Amino acid sequence: MAAPKTQRLRLTKAMRIKQGRDFLRVKQEGRRLVNGCLIANWAKVAENMNTRLGVVVSKRVGNSVARSRARRLLREAFRVHQRELTQAVDLVLVARPSIEAKKFSEVEQDFITTLRKAGLLKGE
C-alpha cells in the first residue's frame, strides 16, 4: 500500500512581500511586537488572500553571510509553522543583531513565542 501523500510546506513567490509599498503598509497600519531576536509586524488581509511573509535584515546584523543566514532562518521558521496561523496576514519579520549568534531552534522558539503573544497561532 502506498504511503498517504502529505502536503508539502512551501514558501512560494506568491507568499512573499516584495514591494516597498506593502512593507510600508504593514508598518503603518499593522501591529508590532518585539521578542528575542526578531521584531514582528503584521496586518490582517482579506480571508480569500494568502498569508505573505517579508523579511528585513539590516547591515547592523553583520556581514552579507550573516544577513543571508538570518533571512534563511526566519523564512524557514515561517515555512515550518505557516499552517498554524489562525488567519491570513501580511507578516514582516525584522532580524535583530542578536540573531547572528542563535541556532535555528532558538530562532524558531522566538518566532513561535512572538506569534503566540500576538494571538496568531491556532490553539492559543
N, C-alpha and C. Protein backbone atom coordinates (compact mmCIF):
# COMPACT_ATOMS: atom_id res chain seq x y z
N MET A 1 0.85 -1.18 0.00
CA MET A 1 0.00 0.00 0.00
C MET A 1 0.89 1.24 0.00
N ALA A 2 0.53 2.21 -0.80
CA ALA A 2 1.31 3.43 -0.91
C ALA A 2 1.08 4.32 0.32
N ALA A 3 2.12 5.01 0.69
CA ALA A 3 2.02 5.93 1.82
C ALA A 3 1.13 7.11 1.43
N PRO A 4 0.34 7.64 2.37
CA PRO A 4 -0.52 8.79 2.04
C PRO A 4 0.33 10.01 1.70
N LYS A 5 -0.15 10.76 0.74
CA LYS A 5 0.58 11.97 0.34
C LYS A 5 0.40 13.05 1.38
N THR A 6 1.49 13.63 1.78
CA THR A 6 1.42 14.77 2.69
C THR A 6 1.65 16.02 1.87
N GLN A 7 0.96 17.06 2.24
CA GLN A 7 1.09 18.31 1.52
C GLN A 7 2.40 18.99 1.92
N ARG A 8 3.17 19.36 0.91
CA ARG A 8 4.47 19.97 1.18
C ARG A 8 4.29 21.38 1.71
N LEU A 9 5.17 21.74 2.61
CA LEU A 9 5.20 23.10 3.14
C LEU A 9 6.15 23.90 2.26
N ARG A 10 5.61 24.82 1.52
CA ARG A 10 6.43 25.60 0.61
C ARG A 10 6.29 27.08 0.92
N LEU A 11 7.27 27.81 0.47
CA LEU A 11 7.23 29.26 0.56
C LEU A 11 7.41 29.77 -0.88
N THR A 12 6.31 29.89 -1.58
CA THR A 12 6.35 30.26 -2.99
C THR A 12 6.55 31.77 -3.14
N LYS A 13 6.81 32.20 -4.36
CA LYS A 13 6.99 33.63 -4.62
C LYS A 13 5.72 34.41 -4.32
N ALA A 14 4.57 33.79 -4.52
CA ALA A 14 3.30 34.46 -4.25
C ALA A 14 3.09 34.69 -2.75
N MET A 15 3.85 33.99 -1.92
CA MET A 15 3.73 34.11 -0.47
C MET A 15 4.75 35.08 0.12
N ARG A 16 5.43 35.83 -0.73
CA ARG A 16 6.44 36.77 -0.25
C ARG A 16 6.00 38.21 -0.50
N ILE A 17 6.31 39.07 0.45
CA ILE A 17 6.10 40.50 0.26
C ILE A 17 7.36 41.02 -0.41
N LYS A 18 7.18 41.66 -1.57
CA LYS A 18 8.34 42.08 -2.34
C LYS A 18 8.41 43.59 -2.56
N GLN A 19 7.25 44.24 -2.52
CA GLN A 19 7.23 45.65 -2.87
C GLN A 19 7.29 46.53 -1.63
N GLY A 20 8.02 47.63 -1.77
CA GLY A 20 8.20 48.56 -0.67
C GLY A 20 6.90 49.09 -0.11
N ARG A 21 5.93 49.33 -0.98
CA ARG A 21 4.65 49.87 -0.50
C ARG A 21 3.93 48.88 0.42
N ASP A 22 4.12 47.57 0.17
CA ASP A 22 3.50 46.57 1.03
C ASP A 22 4.19 46.53 2.40
N PHE A 23 5.52 46.62 2.42
CA PHE A 23 6.26 46.70 3.69
C PHE A 23 5.80 47.92 4.48
N LEU A 24 5.67 49.06 3.79
CA LEU A 24 5.26 50.31 4.43
C LEU A 24 3.84 50.21 4.99
N ARG A 25 2.93 49.60 4.23
CA ARG A 25 1.54 49.44 4.69
C ARG A 25 1.49 48.62 5.96
N VAL A 26 2.25 47.53 6.01
CA VAL A 26 2.26 46.68 7.21
C VAL A 26 2.82 47.45 8.39
N LYS A 27 3.86 48.24 8.15
CA LYS A 27 4.46 49.01 9.24
C LYS A 27 3.51 50.09 9.75
N GLN A 28 2.82 50.77 8.84
CA GLN A 28 1.95 51.89 9.24
C GLN A 28 0.60 51.44 9.79
N GLU A 29 -0.02 50.45 9.15
CA GLU A 29 -1.37 50.06 9.52
C GLU A 29 -1.43 48.85 10.45
N GLY A 30 -0.34 48.10 10.52
CA GLY A 30 -0.36 46.85 11.27
C GLY A 30 0.04 47.02 12.72
N ARG A 31 0.23 45.88 13.36
CA ARG A 31 0.66 45.84 14.75
C ARG A 31 2.09 45.38 14.81
N ARG A 32 2.73 45.58 15.98
CA ARG A 32 4.16 45.31 16.12
C ARG A 32 4.42 44.65 17.46
N LEU A 33 5.35 43.69 17.46
CA LEU A 33 5.73 43.02 18.69
C LEU A 33 7.21 42.66 18.62
N VAL A 34 7.94 42.97 19.70
CA VAL A 34 9.37 42.68 19.77
C VAL A 34 9.58 41.52 20.73
N ASN A 35 10.34 40.52 20.29
CA ASN A 35 10.63 39.39 21.15
C ASN A 35 11.93 38.73 20.71
N GLY A 36 12.87 38.60 21.63
CA GLY A 36 14.11 37.88 21.34
C GLY A 36 14.89 38.48 20.18
N CYS A 37 15.15 37.65 19.18
CA CYS A 37 16.00 38.05 18.07
C CYS A 37 15.23 38.62 16.89
N LEU A 38 13.93 38.89 17.07
CA LEU A 38 13.16 39.40 15.94
C LEU A 38 12.09 40.39 16.36
N ILE A 39 11.67 41.17 15.38
CA ILE A 39 10.54 42.09 15.53
C ILE A 39 9.51 41.65 14.51
N ALA A 40 8.28 41.47 14.94
CA ALA A 40 7.22 41.05 14.02
C ALA A 40 6.24 42.20 13.82
N ASN A 41 5.99 42.52 12.57
CA ASN A 41 4.96 43.47 12.18
C ASN A 41 3.95 42.69 11.36
N TRP A 42 2.66 42.86 11.64
CA TRP A 42 1.67 42.14 10.86
C TRP A 42 0.42 42.99 10.68
N ALA A 43 -0.26 42.71 9.58
CA ALA A 43 -1.53 43.37 9.27
C ALA A 43 -2.46 42.31 8.70
N LYS A 44 -3.71 42.34 9.12
CA LYS A 44 -4.69 41.39 8.61
C LYS A 44 -4.97 41.69 7.14
N VAL A 45 -5.26 40.63 6.40
CA VAL A 45 -5.66 40.77 5.00
C VAL A 45 -6.98 40.03 4.81
N ALA A 46 -7.58 40.17 3.65
CA ALA A 46 -8.86 39.53 3.37
C ALA A 46 -8.73 38.01 3.50
N GLU A 47 -9.82 37.36 3.90
CA GLU A 47 -9.82 35.91 4.12
C GLU A 47 -9.42 35.12 2.88
N ASN A 48 -9.77 35.63 1.70
CA ASN A 48 -9.50 34.88 0.47
C ASN A 48 -8.06 35.04 -0.01
N MET A 49 -7.26 35.84 0.68
CA MET A 49 -5.86 36.05 0.31
C MET A 49 -4.95 35.11 1.10
N ASN A 50 -3.77 34.88 0.55
CA ASN A 50 -2.77 34.05 1.23
C ASN A 50 -2.01 34.87 2.25
N THR A 51 -1.48 34.19 3.25
CA THR A 51 -0.55 34.83 4.17
C THR A 51 0.75 35.08 3.40
N ARG A 52 1.32 36.26 3.58
CA ARG A 52 2.57 36.59 2.91
C ARG A 52 3.61 36.96 3.95
N LEU A 53 4.88 36.72 3.60
CA LEU A 53 5.99 36.99 4.50
C LEU A 53 6.98 37.93 3.84
N GLY A 54 7.47 38.89 4.62
CA GLY A 54 8.57 39.74 4.22
C GLY A 54 9.63 39.69 5.30
N VAL A 55 10.89 39.68 4.91
CA VAL A 55 11.98 39.60 5.88
C VAL A 55 12.91 40.79 5.65
N VAL A 56 13.25 41.48 6.73
CA VAL A 56 14.15 42.63 6.67
C VAL A 56 15.34 42.34 7.57
N VAL A 57 16.54 42.47 7.00
CA VAL A 57 17.77 42.28 7.77
C VAL A 57 18.71 43.42 7.43
N SER A 58 19.00 44.26 8.41
CA SER A 58 19.85 45.43 8.15
C SER A 58 21.32 45.07 8.28
N LYS A 59 22.17 46.00 7.90
CA LYS A 59 23.61 45.78 7.98
C LYS A 59 24.12 45.72 9.41
N ARG A 60 23.29 46.13 10.37
CA ARG A 60 23.70 46.03 11.77
C ARG A 60 23.83 44.58 12.22
N VAL A 61 23.16 43.67 11.50
CA VAL A 61 23.21 42.25 11.87
C VAL A 61 24.59 41.67 11.62
N GLY A 62 25.26 42.10 10.58
CA GLY A 62 26.59 41.57 10.30
C GLY A 62 26.93 41.66 8.83
N ASN A 63 27.90 40.87 8.41
CA ASN A 63 28.30 40.90 7.00
C ASN A 63 27.25 40.17 6.15
N SER A 64 27.48 40.08 4.86
CA SER A 64 26.47 39.53 3.95
C SER A 64 26.16 38.07 4.26
N VAL A 65 27.15 37.32 4.70
CA VAL A 65 26.92 35.92 5.04
C VAL A 65 25.97 35.82 6.24
N ALA A 66 26.20 36.63 7.25
CA ALA A 66 25.35 36.61 8.45
C ALA A 66 23.94 37.09 8.12
N ARG A 67 23.82 38.09 7.26
CA ARG A 67 22.49 38.59 6.87
C ARG A 67 21.72 37.53 6.09
N SER A 68 22.40 36.86 5.18
CA SER A 68 21.74 35.81 4.40
C SER A 68 21.29 34.66 5.30
N ARG A 69 22.11 34.29 6.26
CA ARG A 69 21.75 33.23 7.19
C ARG A 69 20.53 33.64 8.02
N ALA A 70 20.50 34.89 8.47
CA ALA A 70 19.37 35.39 9.24
C ALA A 70 18.08 35.31 8.42
N ARG A 71 18.15 35.72 7.15
CA ARG A 71 16.98 35.63 6.26
C ARG A 71 16.52 34.18 6.12
N ARG A 72 17.46 33.27 5.90
CA ARG A 72 17.10 31.86 5.75
C ARG A 72 16.45 31.30 7.01
N LEU A 73 17.00 31.65 8.18
CA LEU A 73 16.44 31.17 9.44
C LEU A 73 15.01 31.65 9.64
N LEU A 74 14.77 32.93 9.38
CA LEU A 74 13.43 33.48 9.57
C LEU A 74 12.44 32.90 8.57
N ARG A 75 12.86 32.76 7.32
CA ARG A 75 11.97 32.17 6.31
C ARG A 75 11.64 30.72 6.65
N GLU A 76 12.62 29.97 7.13
CA GLU A 76 12.40 28.56 7.47
C GLU A 76 11.46 28.44 8.67
N ALA A 77 11.61 29.29 9.67
CA ALA A 77 10.70 29.25 10.82
C ALA A 77 9.27 29.51 10.37
N PHE A 78 9.09 30.46 9.46
CA PHE A 78 7.75 30.73 8.94
C PHE A 78 7.25 29.55 8.12
N ARG A 79 8.08 29.01 7.26
CA ARG A 79 7.67 27.92 6.37
C ARG A 79 7.15 26.72 7.16
N VAL A 80 7.87 26.37 8.21
CA VAL A 80 7.51 25.20 9.01
C VAL A 80 6.19 25.41 9.76
N HIS A 81 5.91 26.63 10.18
CA HIS A 81 4.75 26.91 11.03
C HIS A 81 3.64 27.68 10.32
N GLN A 82 3.69 27.80 9.01
CA GLN A 82 2.72 28.62 8.29
C GLN A 82 1.29 28.11 8.42
N ARG A 83 1.09 26.83 8.56
CA ARG A 83 -0.27 26.27 8.65
C ARG A 83 -0.88 26.43 10.04
N GLU A 84 -0.08 26.89 11.00
CA GLU A 84 -0.58 27.06 12.36
C GLU A 84 -1.16 28.46 12.60
N LEU A 85 -1.13 29.32 11.60
CA LEU A 85 -1.66 30.67 11.75
C LEU A 85 -3.18 30.64 11.76
N THR A 86 -3.79 31.47 12.59
CA THR A 86 -5.24 31.49 12.72
C THR A 86 -5.92 32.23 11.58
N GLN A 87 -5.25 33.16 10.96
CA GLN A 87 -5.86 33.98 9.91
C GLN A 87 -4.81 34.41 8.91
N ALA A 88 -5.28 34.90 7.77
CA ALA A 88 -4.37 35.38 6.74
C ALA A 88 -3.83 36.75 7.15
N VAL A 89 -2.52 36.90 7.12
CA VAL A 89 -1.88 38.15 7.48
C VAL A 89 -0.72 38.42 6.53
N ASP A 90 -0.35 39.68 6.44
CA ASP A 90 0.93 40.06 5.86
C ASP A 90 1.87 40.20 7.05
N LEU A 91 2.93 39.41 7.06
CA LEU A 91 3.84 39.35 8.20
C LEU A 91 5.23 39.81 7.76
N VAL A 92 5.76 40.81 8.44
CA VAL A 92 7.11 41.29 8.17
C VAL A 92 7.95 41.01 9.40
N LEU A 93 9.01 40.22 9.21
CA LEU A 93 9.92 39.89 10.30
C LEU A 93 11.20 40.69 10.12
N VAL A 94 11.61 41.38 11.17
CA VAL A 94 12.83 42.18 11.15
C VAL A 94 13.82 41.50 12.09
N ALA A 95 14.99 41.15 11.56
CA ALA A 95 16.01 40.49 12.36
C ALA A 95 16.73 41.51 13.23
N ARG A 96 16.98 41.14 14.48
CA ARG A 96 17.77 41.97 15.38
C ARG A 96 19.19 41.42 15.40
N PRO A 97 20.17 42.23 15.77
CA PRO A 97 21.57 41.78 15.75
C PRO A 97 21.83 40.50 16.55
N SER A 98 21.04 40.22 17.56
CA SER A 98 21.26 39.02 18.38
C SER A 98 21.02 37.72 17.62
N ILE A 99 20.38 37.79 16.45
CA ILE A 99 20.09 36.58 15.68
C ILE A 99 21.37 35.91 15.18
N GLU A 100 22.42 36.69 15.05
CA GLU A 100 23.67 36.17 14.49
C GLU A 100 24.24 35.01 15.30
N ALA A 101 24.05 35.03 16.61
CA ALA A 101 24.64 34.00 17.48
C ALA A 101 23.68 32.85 17.77
N LYS A 102 22.48 32.88 17.19
CA LYS A 102 21.47 31.88 17.53
C LYS A 102 21.42 30.74 16.54
N LYS A 103 21.01 29.57 17.05
CA LYS A 103 20.77 28.39 16.23
C LYS A 103 19.32 28.44 15.74
N PHE A 104 19.00 27.56 14.78
CA PHE A 104 17.64 27.56 14.24
C PHE A 104 16.60 27.29 15.32
N SER A 105 16.87 26.37 16.21
CA SER A 105 15.88 26.03 17.24
C SER A 105 15.56 27.24 18.13
N GLU A 106 16.57 28.08 18.39
CA GLU A 106 16.34 29.27 19.21
C GLU A 106 15.55 30.32 18.43
N VAL A 107 15.86 30.48 17.15
CA VAL A 107 15.12 31.43 16.32
C VAL A 107 13.68 30.96 16.18
N GLU A 108 13.49 29.67 15.98
CA GLU A 108 12.15 29.10 15.86
C GLU A 108 11.35 29.33 17.14
N GLN A 109 11.98 29.15 18.28
CA GLN A 109 11.29 29.37 19.55
C GLN A 109 10.89 30.83 19.72
N ASP A 110 11.77 31.76 19.36
CA ASP A 110 11.42 33.19 19.40
C ASP A 110 10.25 33.49 18.46
N PHE A 111 10.25 32.88 17.27
CA PHE A 111 9.18 33.07 16.30
C PHE A 111 7.85 32.57 16.86
N ILE A 112 7.84 31.36 17.41
CA ILE A 112 6.61 30.79 17.97
C ILE A 112 6.10 31.62 19.14
N THR A 113 7.00 32.03 20.02
CA THR A 113 6.62 32.84 21.17
C THR A 113 6.01 34.17 20.72
N THR A 114 6.60 34.78 19.70
CA THR A 114 6.09 36.04 19.20
C THR A 114 4.69 35.87 18.63
N LEU A 115 4.49 34.84 17.82
CA LEU A 115 3.15 34.61 17.24
C LEU A 115 2.13 34.27 18.31
N ARG A 116 2.57 33.54 19.33
CA ARG A 116 1.66 33.19 20.43
C ARG A 116 1.22 34.44 21.18
N LYS A 117 2.17 35.34 21.47
CA LYS A 117 1.85 36.59 22.15
C LYS A 117 0.93 37.46 21.31
N ALA A 118 1.09 37.39 19.97
CA ALA A 118 0.29 38.19 19.07
C ALA A 118 -1.11 37.59 18.87
N GLY A 119 -1.30 36.36 19.32
CA GLY A 119 -2.60 35.70 19.14
C GLY A 119 -2.81 35.20 17.72
N LEU A 120 -1.73 34.91 17.03
CA LEU A 120 -1.83 34.48 15.64
C LEU A 120 -1.71 32.97 15.46
N LEU A 121 -1.47 32.22 16.54
CA LEU A 121 -1.33 30.77 16.44
C LEU A 121 -2.62 30.07 16.81
N LYS A 122 -2.92 28.97 16.10
CA LYS A 122 -4.10 28.16 16.42
C LYS A 122 -3.91 27.49 17.76
N GLY A 123 -5.03 27.27 18.44
CA GLY A 123 -4.99 26.56 19.72
C GLY A 123 -4.49 27.39 20.87
N GLU A 124 -4.39 28.69 20.68
CA GLU A 124 -3.90 29.56 21.77
C GLU A 124 -5.05 30.33 22.37
